[in-house]
C-alpha cells in the first residue's frame, strides 16, 4: 500500500521522485487543487470515500497512509 500511495503522489504532483518525507511543506504542487486531485486518485485507486475532515488532515505521506489504511 505504501508504494501505491507514493506512486499516486508522484503521478498526481508530476514529481520525478518521491519518498516518505513528502508533504505540503516541501512539495509546491501539493496545494488546494493538488489536494483535490490527490483525494480523487486515492478514492479511485483504493475504492474508498474520504470525509472532509480526513481530507483536511492529509498534509504529508504519513497522514495519507494512516487515513487510507483506516478505510480498507
PDB file of N, CA and C in Angstrom:
ATOM      1  N   UNK A   1       0.823  -1.197   0.000  1.00  0.00           N
ATOM      2  CA  UNK A   1       0.000   0.000   0.000  1.00  0.00           C
ATOM      3  C   UNK A   1       0.867   1.261   0.000  1.00  0.00           C
ATOM      4  N   UNK A   2       1.954   1.235   0.754  1.00  0.00           N
ATOM      5  CA  UNK A   2       2.813   2.415   0.821  1.00  0.00           C
ATOM      6  C   UNK A   2       3.349   2.794  -0.553  1.00  0.00           C
ATOM      7  N   UNK A   3       3.802   1.792  -1.300  1.00  0.00           N
ATOM      8  CA  UNK A   3       4.352   2.063  -2.633  1.00  0.00           C
ATOM      9  C   UNK A   3       3.283   2.615  -3.558  1.00  0.00           C
ATOM     10  N   UNK A   4       2.076   2.079  -3.451  1.00  0.00           N
ATOM     11  CA  UNK A   4       0.974   2.559  -4.295  1.00  0.00           C
ATOM     12  C   UNK A   4       0.655   4.019  -3.970  1.00  0.00           C
ATOM     13  N   UNK A   5       0.615   4.371  -2.703  1.00  0.00           N
ATOM     14  CA  UNK A   5       0.343   5.752  -2.303  1.00  0.00           C
ATOM     15  C   UNK A   5       1.455   6.672  -2.804  1.00  0.00           C
ATOM     16  N   UNK A   6       2.701   6.244  -2.653  1.00  0.00           N
ATOM     17  CA  UNK A   6       3.815   7.061  -3.152  1.00  0.00           C
ATOM     18  C   UNK A   6       3.726   7.249  -4.666  1.00  0.00           C
ATOM     19  N   UNK A   7       3.333   6.193  -5.377  1.00  0.00           N
ATOM     20  CA  UNK A   7       3.175   6.286  -6.826  1.00  0.00           C
ATOM     21  C   UNK A   7       2.069   7.280  -7.187  1.00  0.00           C
ATOM     22  N   UNK A   8       0.964   7.235  -6.462  1.00  0.00           N
ATOM     23  CA  UNK A   8      -0.143   8.162  -6.713  1.00  0.00           C
ATOM     24  C   UNK A   8       0.300   9.594  -6.438  1.00  0.00           C
ATOM     25  N   UNK A   9       1.013   9.813  -5.349  1.00  0.00           N
ATOM     26  CA  UNK A   9       1.513  11.155  -5.032  1.00  0.00           C
ATOM     27  C   UNK A   9       2.452  11.638  -6.132  1.00  0.00           C
ATOM     28  N   UNK A  10       3.370  10.761  -6.553  1.00  0.00           N
ATOM     29  CA  UNK A  10       4.334  11.132  -7.598  1.00  0.00           C
ATOM     30  C   UNK A  10       3.633  11.515  -8.893  1.00  0.00           C
ATOM     31  N   UNK A  11       2.665  10.703  -9.296  1.00  0.00           N
ATOM     32  CA  UNK A  11       1.953  10.969 -10.547  1.00  0.00           C
ATOM     33  C   UNK A  11       1.042  12.187 -10.428  1.00  0.00           C
ATOM     34  N   UNK A  12       0.335  12.317  -9.328  1.00  0.00           N
ATOM     35  CA  UNK A  12      -0.598  13.429  -9.144  1.00  0.00           C
ATOM     36  C   UNK A  12       0.124  14.767  -9.171  1.00  0.00           C
ATOM     37  N   UNK A  13       1.265  14.827  -8.522  1.00  0.00           N
ATOM     38  CA  UNK A  13       2.001  16.088  -8.428  1.00  0.00           C
ATOM     39  C   UNK A  13       3.112  16.209  -9.467  1.00  0.00           C
ATOM     40  N   UNK A  14       3.157  15.222 -10.400  1.00  0.00           N
ATOM     41  CA  UNK A  14       4.119  15.224 -11.503  1.00  0.00           C
ATOM     42  C   UNK A  14       5.555  15.404 -11.003  1.00  0.00           C
ATOM     43  N   UNK A  15       5.924  14.555 -10.044  1.00  0.00           N
ATOM     44  CA  UNK A  15       7.266  14.601  -9.458  1.00  0.00           C
ATOM     45  C   UNK A  15       8.161  13.547 -10.107  1.00  0.00           C
ATOM     46  N   UNK A  16       9.437  13.862 -10.249  1.00  0.00           N
ATOM     47  CA  UNK A  16      10.388  12.891 -10.788  1.00  0.00           C
ATOM     48  C   UNK A  16      10.604  11.752  -9.800  1.00  0.00           C
ATOM     49  N   UNK A  17      10.744  12.113  -8.526  1.00  0.00           N
ATOM     50  CA  UNK A  17      10.912  11.125  -7.462  1.00  0.00           C
ATOM     51  C   UNK A  17      10.107  11.572  -6.245  1.00  0.00           C
ATOM     52  N   UNK A  18       9.823  10.624  -5.399  1.00  0.00           N
ATOM     53  CA  UNK A  18       9.072  10.929  -4.181  1.00  0.00           C
ATOM     54  C   UNK A  18       9.513   9.947  -3.098  1.00  0.00           C
ATOM     55  N   UNK A  19       9.491  10.391  -1.849  1.00  0.00           N
ATOM     56  CA  UNK A  19       9.804   9.496  -0.743  1.00  0.00           C
ATOM     57  C   UNK A  19       8.815   9.733   0.396  1.00  0.00           C
ATOM     58  N   UNK A  20       8.994   9.002   1.473  1.00  0.00           N
ATOM     59  CA  UNK A  20       8.061   9.049   2.599  1.00  0.00           C
ATOM     60  C   UNK A  20       8.036  10.413   3.290  1.00  0.00           C
ATOM     61  N   UNK A  21       8.990  11.278   2.992  1.00  0.00           N
ATOM     62  CA  UNK A  21       9.060  12.592   3.615  1.00  0.00           C
ATOM     63  C   UNK A  21       8.264  13.661   2.889  1.00  0.00           C
ATOM     64  N   UNK A  22       7.585  13.297   1.807  1.00  0.00           N
ATOM     65  CA  UNK A  22       6.844  14.293   1.026  1.00  0.00           C
ATOM     66  C   UNK A  22       5.687  14.868   1.852  1.00  0.00           C
ATOM     67  N   UNK A  23       5.518  16.194   1.754  1.00  0.00           N
ATOM     68  CA  UNK A  23       4.452  16.865   2.496  1.00  0.00           C
ATOM     69  C   UNK A  23       4.079  18.160   1.797  1.00  0.00           C
ATOM     70  N   UNK A  24       3.055  18.805   2.312  1.00  0.00           N
ATOM     71  CA  UNK A  24       2.655  20.105   1.773  1.00  0.00           C
ATOM     72  C   UNK A  24       3.775  21.124   1.934  1.00  0.00           C
ATOM     73  N   UNK A  25       4.618  20.943   2.936  1.00  0.00           N
ATOM     74  CA  UNK A  25       5.696  21.897   3.204  1.00  0.00           C
ATOM     75  C   UNK A  25       6.832  21.831   2.202  1.00  0.00           C
ATOM     76  N   UNK A  26       7.050  20.666   1.575  1.00  0.00           N
ATOM     77  CA  UNK A  26       8.182  20.539   0.661  1.00  0.00           C
ATOM     78  C   UNK A  26       7.796  20.167  -0.771  1.00  0.00           C
ATOM     79  N   UNK A  27       6.507  20.209  -1.077  1.00  0.00           N
ATOM     80  CA  UNK A  27       6.033  19.906  -2.422  1.00  0.00           C
ATOM     81  C   UNK A  27       5.131  21.054  -2.890  1.00  0.00           C
ATOM     82  N   UNK A  28       5.667  21.879  -3.770  1.00  0.00           N
ATOM     83  CA  UNK A  28       4.934  23.067  -4.229  1.00  0.00           C
ATOM     84  C   UNK A  28       3.609  22.718  -4.905  1.00  0.00           C
ATOM     85  N   UNK A  29       3.552  21.570  -5.552  1.00  0.00           N
ATOM     86  CA  UNK A  29       2.329  21.178  -6.259  1.00  0.00           C
ATOM     87  C   UNK A  29       1.221  20.722  -5.309  1.00  0.00           C
ATOM     88  N   UNK A  30       1.558  20.477  -4.040  1.00  0.00           N
ATOM     89  CA  UNK A  30       0.575  19.993  -3.063  1.00  0.00           C
ATOM     90  C   UNK A  30      -0.151  21.203  -2.480  1.00  0.00           C
ATOM     91  N   UNK A  31      -0.929  21.852  -3.333  1.00  0.00           N
ATOM     92  CA  UNK A  31      -1.747  22.995  -2.917  1.00  0.00           C
ATOM     93  C   UNK A  31      -3.198  22.534  -2.842  1.00  0.00           C
ATOM     94  N   UNK A  32      -4.124  23.467  -2.729  1.00  0.00           N
ATOM     95  CA  UNK A  32      -5.530  23.073  -2.550  1.00  0.00           C
ATOM     96  C   UNK A  32      -6.061  22.295  -3.754  1.00  0.00           C
ATOM     97  N   UNK A  33      -5.705  22.706  -4.963  1.00  0.00           N
ATOM     98  CA  UNK A  33      -6.152  21.968  -6.147  1.00  0.00           C
ATOM     99  C   UNK A  33      -5.454  20.612  -6.215  1.00  0.00           C
ATOM    100  N   UNK A  34      -4.184  20.591  -5.896  1.00  0.00           N
ATOM    101  CA  UNK A  34      -3.457  19.331  -5.862  1.00  0.00           C
ATOM    102  C   UNK A  34      -4.051  18.367  -4.853  1.00  0.00           C
ATOM    103  N   UNK A  35      -4.488  18.895  -3.722  1.00  0.00           N
ATOM    104  CA  UNK A  35      -5.113  18.076  -2.681  1.00  0.00           C
ATOM    105  C   UNK A  35      -6.374  17.401  -3.221  1.00  0.00           C
ATOM    106  N   UNK A  36      -7.194  18.164  -3.939  1.00  0.00           N
ATOM    107  CA  UNK A  36      -8.419  17.596  -4.514  1.00  0.00           C
ATOM    108  C   UNK A  36      -8.095  16.499  -5.519  1.00  0.00           C
ATOM    109  N   UNK A  37      -7.086  16.727  -6.350  1.00  0.00           N
ATOM    110  CA  UNK A  37      -6.680  15.715  -7.328  1.00  0.00           C
ATOM    111  C   UNK A  37      -6.149  14.468  -6.630  1.00  0.00           C
ATOM    112  N   UNK A  38      -5.364  14.674  -5.575  1.00  0.00           N
ATOM    113  CA  UNK A  38      -4.827  13.544  -4.817  1.00  0.00           C
ATOM    114  C   UNK A  38      -5.958  12.724  -4.204  1.00  0.00           C
ATOM    115  N   UNK A  39      -6.912  13.386  -3.606  1.00  0.00           N
ATOM    116  CA  UNK A  39      -8.050  12.694  -2.990  1.00  0.00           C
ATOM    117  C   UNK A  39      -8.813  11.880  -4.033  1.00  0.00           C
ATOM    118  N   UNK A  40      -9.072  12.470  -5.195  1.00  0.00           N
ATOM    119  CA  UNK A  40      -9.797  11.761  -6.256  1.00  0.00           C
ATOM    120  C   UNK A  40      -9.031  10.506  -6.683  1.00  0.00           C
ATOM    121  N   UNK A  41      -7.716  10.628  -6.831  1.00  0.00           N
ATOM    122  CA  UNK A  41      -6.897   9.479  -7.235  1.00  0.00           C
ATOM    123  C   UNK A  41      -6.881   8.395  -6.156  1.00  0.00           C
ATOM    124  N   UNK A  42      -6.764   8.797  -4.900  1.00  0.00           N
ATOM    125  CA  UNK A  42      -6.760   7.829  -3.796  1.00  0.00           C
ATOM    126  C   UNK A  42      -8.101   7.114  -3.694  1.00  0.00           C
ATOM    127  N   UNK A  43      -9.187   7.861  -3.785  1.00  0.00           N
ATOM    128  CA  UNK A  43     -10.519   7.248  -3.697  1.00  0.00           C
ATOM    129  C   UNK A  43     -10.724   6.252  -4.819  1.00  0.00           C
ATOM    130  N   UNK A  44     -10.276   6.591  -6.009  1.00  0.00           N
ATOM    131  CA  UNK A  44     -10.421   5.704  -7.156  1.00  0.00           C
ATOM    132  C   UNK A  44      -9.537   4.460  -7.018  1.00  0.00           C
ATOM    133  N   UNK A  45      -8.285   4.660  -6.657  1.00  0.00           N
ATOM    134  CA  UNK A  45      -7.329   3.552  -6.585  1.00  0.00           C
ATOM    135  C   UNK A  45      -7.685   2.547  -5.495  1.00  0.00           C
ATOM    136  N   UNK A  46      -8.188   3.038  -4.368  1.00  0.00           N
ATOM    137  CA  UNK A  46      -8.460   2.153  -3.229  1.00  0.00           C
ATOM    138  C   UNK A  46      -9.948   1.892  -3.016  1.00  0.00           C
ATOM    139  N   UNK A  47     -10.798   2.443  -3.884  1.00  0.00           N
ATOM    140  CA  UNK A  47     -12.250   2.262  -3.800  1.00  0.00           C
ATOM    141  C   UNK A  47     -12.763   2.631  -2.410  1.00  0.00           C
ATOM    142  N   UNK A  48     -12.428   3.849  -1.994  1.00  0.00           N
ATOM    143  CA  UNK A  48     -12.842   4.363  -0.685  1.00  0.00           C
ATOM    144  C   UNK A  48     -13.478   5.734  -0.861  1.00  0.00           C
ATOM    145  N   UNK A  49     -14.133   6.208   0.184  1.00  0.00           N
ATOM    146  CA  UNK A  49     -14.649   7.579   0.232  1.00  0.00           C
ATOM    147  C   UNK A  49     -14.017   8.264   1.435  1.00  0.00           C
ATOM    148  N   UNK A  50     -13.473   9.440   1.206  1.00  0.00           N
ATOM    149  CA  UNK A  50     -12.830  10.188   2.276  1.00  0.00           C
ATOM    150  C   UNK A  50     -13.731  11.319   2.732  1.00  0.00           C
ATOM    151  N   UNK A  51     -13.808  11.495   4.039  1.00  0.00           N
ATOM    152  CA  UNK A  51     -14.620  12.551   4.630  1.00  0.00           C
ATOM    153  C   UNK A  51     -13.859  13.880   4.585  1.00  0.00           C
ATOM    154  N   UNK A  52     -14.581  14.998   4.568  1.00  0.00           N
ATOM    155  CA  UNK A  52     -13.911  16.305   4.540  1.00  0.00           C
ATOM    156  C   UNK A  52     -12.885  16.491   5.659  1.00  0.00           C
ATOM    157  N   UNK A  53     -13.188  15.985   6.859  1.00  0.00           N
ATOM    158  CA  UNK A  53     -12.250  16.113   7.973  1.00  0.00           C
ATOM    159  C   UNK A  53     -10.962  15.349   7.682  1.00  0.00           C
ATOM    160  N   UNK A  54     -11.102  14.165   7.098  1.00  0.00           N
ATOM    161  CA  UNK A  54      -9.933  13.352   6.767  1.00  0.00           C
ATOM    162  C   UNK A  54      -9.099  14.037   5.686  1.00  0.00           C
ATOM    163  N   UNK A  55      -9.772  14.588   4.703  1.00  0.00           N
ATOM    164  CA  UNK A  55      -9.073  15.285   3.620  1.00  0.00           C
ATOM    165  C   UNK A  55      -8.263  16.454   4.188  1.00  0.00           C
ATOM    166  N   UNK A  56      -8.841  17.169   5.123  1.00  0.00           N
ATOM    167  CA  UNK A  56      -8.164  18.293   5.751  1.00  0.00           C
ATOM    168  C   UNK A  56      -6.945  17.884   6.563  1.00  0.00           C
ATOM    169  N   UNK A  57      -6.949  16.645   7.051  1.00  0.00           N
ATOM    170  CA  UNK A  57      -5.828  16.147   7.853  1.00  0.00           C
ATOM    171  C   UNK A  57      -4.647  15.691   7.005  1.00  0.00           C
ATOM    172  N   UNK A  58      -4.858  15.499   5.718  1.00  0.00           N
ATOM    173  CA  UNK A  58      -3.815  14.961   4.837  1.00  0.00           C
ATOM    174  C   UNK A  58      -2.821  16.045   4.466  1.00  0.00           C
ATOM    175  N   UNK A  59      -1.735  16.107   5.225  1.00  0.00           N
ATOM    176  CA  UNK A  59      -0.720  17.137   4.998  1.00  0.00           C
ATOM    177  C   UNK A  59       0.646  16.552   4.647  1.00  0.00           C
ATOM    178  N   UNK A  60       0.767  15.221   4.773  1.00  0.00           N
ATOM    179  CA  UNK A  60       2.031  14.560   4.437  1.00  0.00           C
ATOM    180  C   UNK A  60       1.748  13.089   4.111  1.00  0.00           C
ATOM    181  N   UNK A  61       2.765  12.407   3.636  1.00  0.00           N
ATOM    182  CA  UNK A  61       2.611  10.994   3.275  1.00  0.00           C
ATOM    183  C   UNK A  61       2.096  10.172   4.449  1.00  0.00           C
ATOM    184  N   UNK A  62       2.656  10.383   5.629  1.00  0.00           N
ATOM    185  CA  UNK A  62       2.250   9.588   6.798  1.00  0.00           C
ATOM    186  C   UNK A  62       0.763   9.783   7.114  1.00  0.00           C
ATOM    187  N   UNK A  63       0.262  11.010   6.962  1.00  0.00           N
ATOM    188  CA  UNK A  63      -1.166  11.275   7.175  1.00  0.00           C
ATOM    189  C   UNK A  63      -1.998  10.493   6.162  1.00  0.00           C
ATOM    190  N   UNK A  64      -1.583  10.555   4.904  1.00  0.00           N
ATOM    191  CA  UNK A  64      -2.314   9.856   3.836  1.00  0.00           C
ATOM    192  C   UNK A  64      -2.325   8.365   4.117  1.00  0.00           C
ATOM    193  N   UNK A  65      -1.172   7.802   4.459  1.00  0.00           N
ATOM    194  CA  UNK A  65      -1.079   6.369   4.750  1.00  0.00           C
ATOM    195  C   UNK A  65      -1.993   5.981   5.906  1.00  0.00           C
ATOM    196  N   UNK A  66      -1.965   6.743   6.982  1.00  0.00           N
ATOM    197  CA  UNK A  66      -2.784   6.436   8.156  1.00  0.00           C
ATOM    198  C   UNK A  66      -4.268   6.465   7.803  1.00  0.00           C
ATOM    199  N   UNK A  67      -4.699   7.481   7.095  1.00  0.00           N
ATOM    200  CA  UNK A  67      -6.122   7.648   6.799  1.00  0.00           C
ATOM    201  C   UNK A  67      -6.596   6.596   5.801  1.00  0.00           C
ATOM    202  N   UNK A  68      -5.821   6.375   4.743  1.00  0.00           N
ATOM    203  CA  UNK A  68      -6.209   5.353   3.755  1.00  0.00           C
ATOM    204  C   UNK A  68      -6.220   3.982   4.413  1.00  0.00           C
ATOM    205  N   UNK A  69      -5.240   3.693   5.245  1.00  0.00           N
ATOM    206  CA  UNK A  69      -5.182   2.385   5.934  1.00  0.00           C
ATOM    207  C   UNK A  69      -6.408   2.141   6.789  1.00  0.00           C
ATOM    208  N   UNK A  70      -6.928   3.209   7.394  1.00  0.00           N
ATOM    209  CA  UNK A  70      -8.093   3.051   8.254  1.00  0.00           C
ATOM    210  C   UNK A  70      -9.372   2.785   7.471  1.00  0.00           C
ATOM    211  N   UNK A  71      -9.329   2.998   6.159  1.00  0.00           N
ATOM    212  CA  UNK A  71     -10.515   2.839   5.321  1.00  0.00           C
ATOM    213  C   UNK A  71     -10.612   1.482   4.647  1.00  0.00           C
ATOM    214  N   UNK A  72      -9.501   0.744   4.633  1.00  0.00           N
ATOM    215  CA  UNK A  72      -9.545  -0.545   3.908  1.00  0.00           C
ATOM    216  C   UNK A  72      -9.278  -1.706   4.824  1.00  0.00           C
TER     217      UNK A  72
END
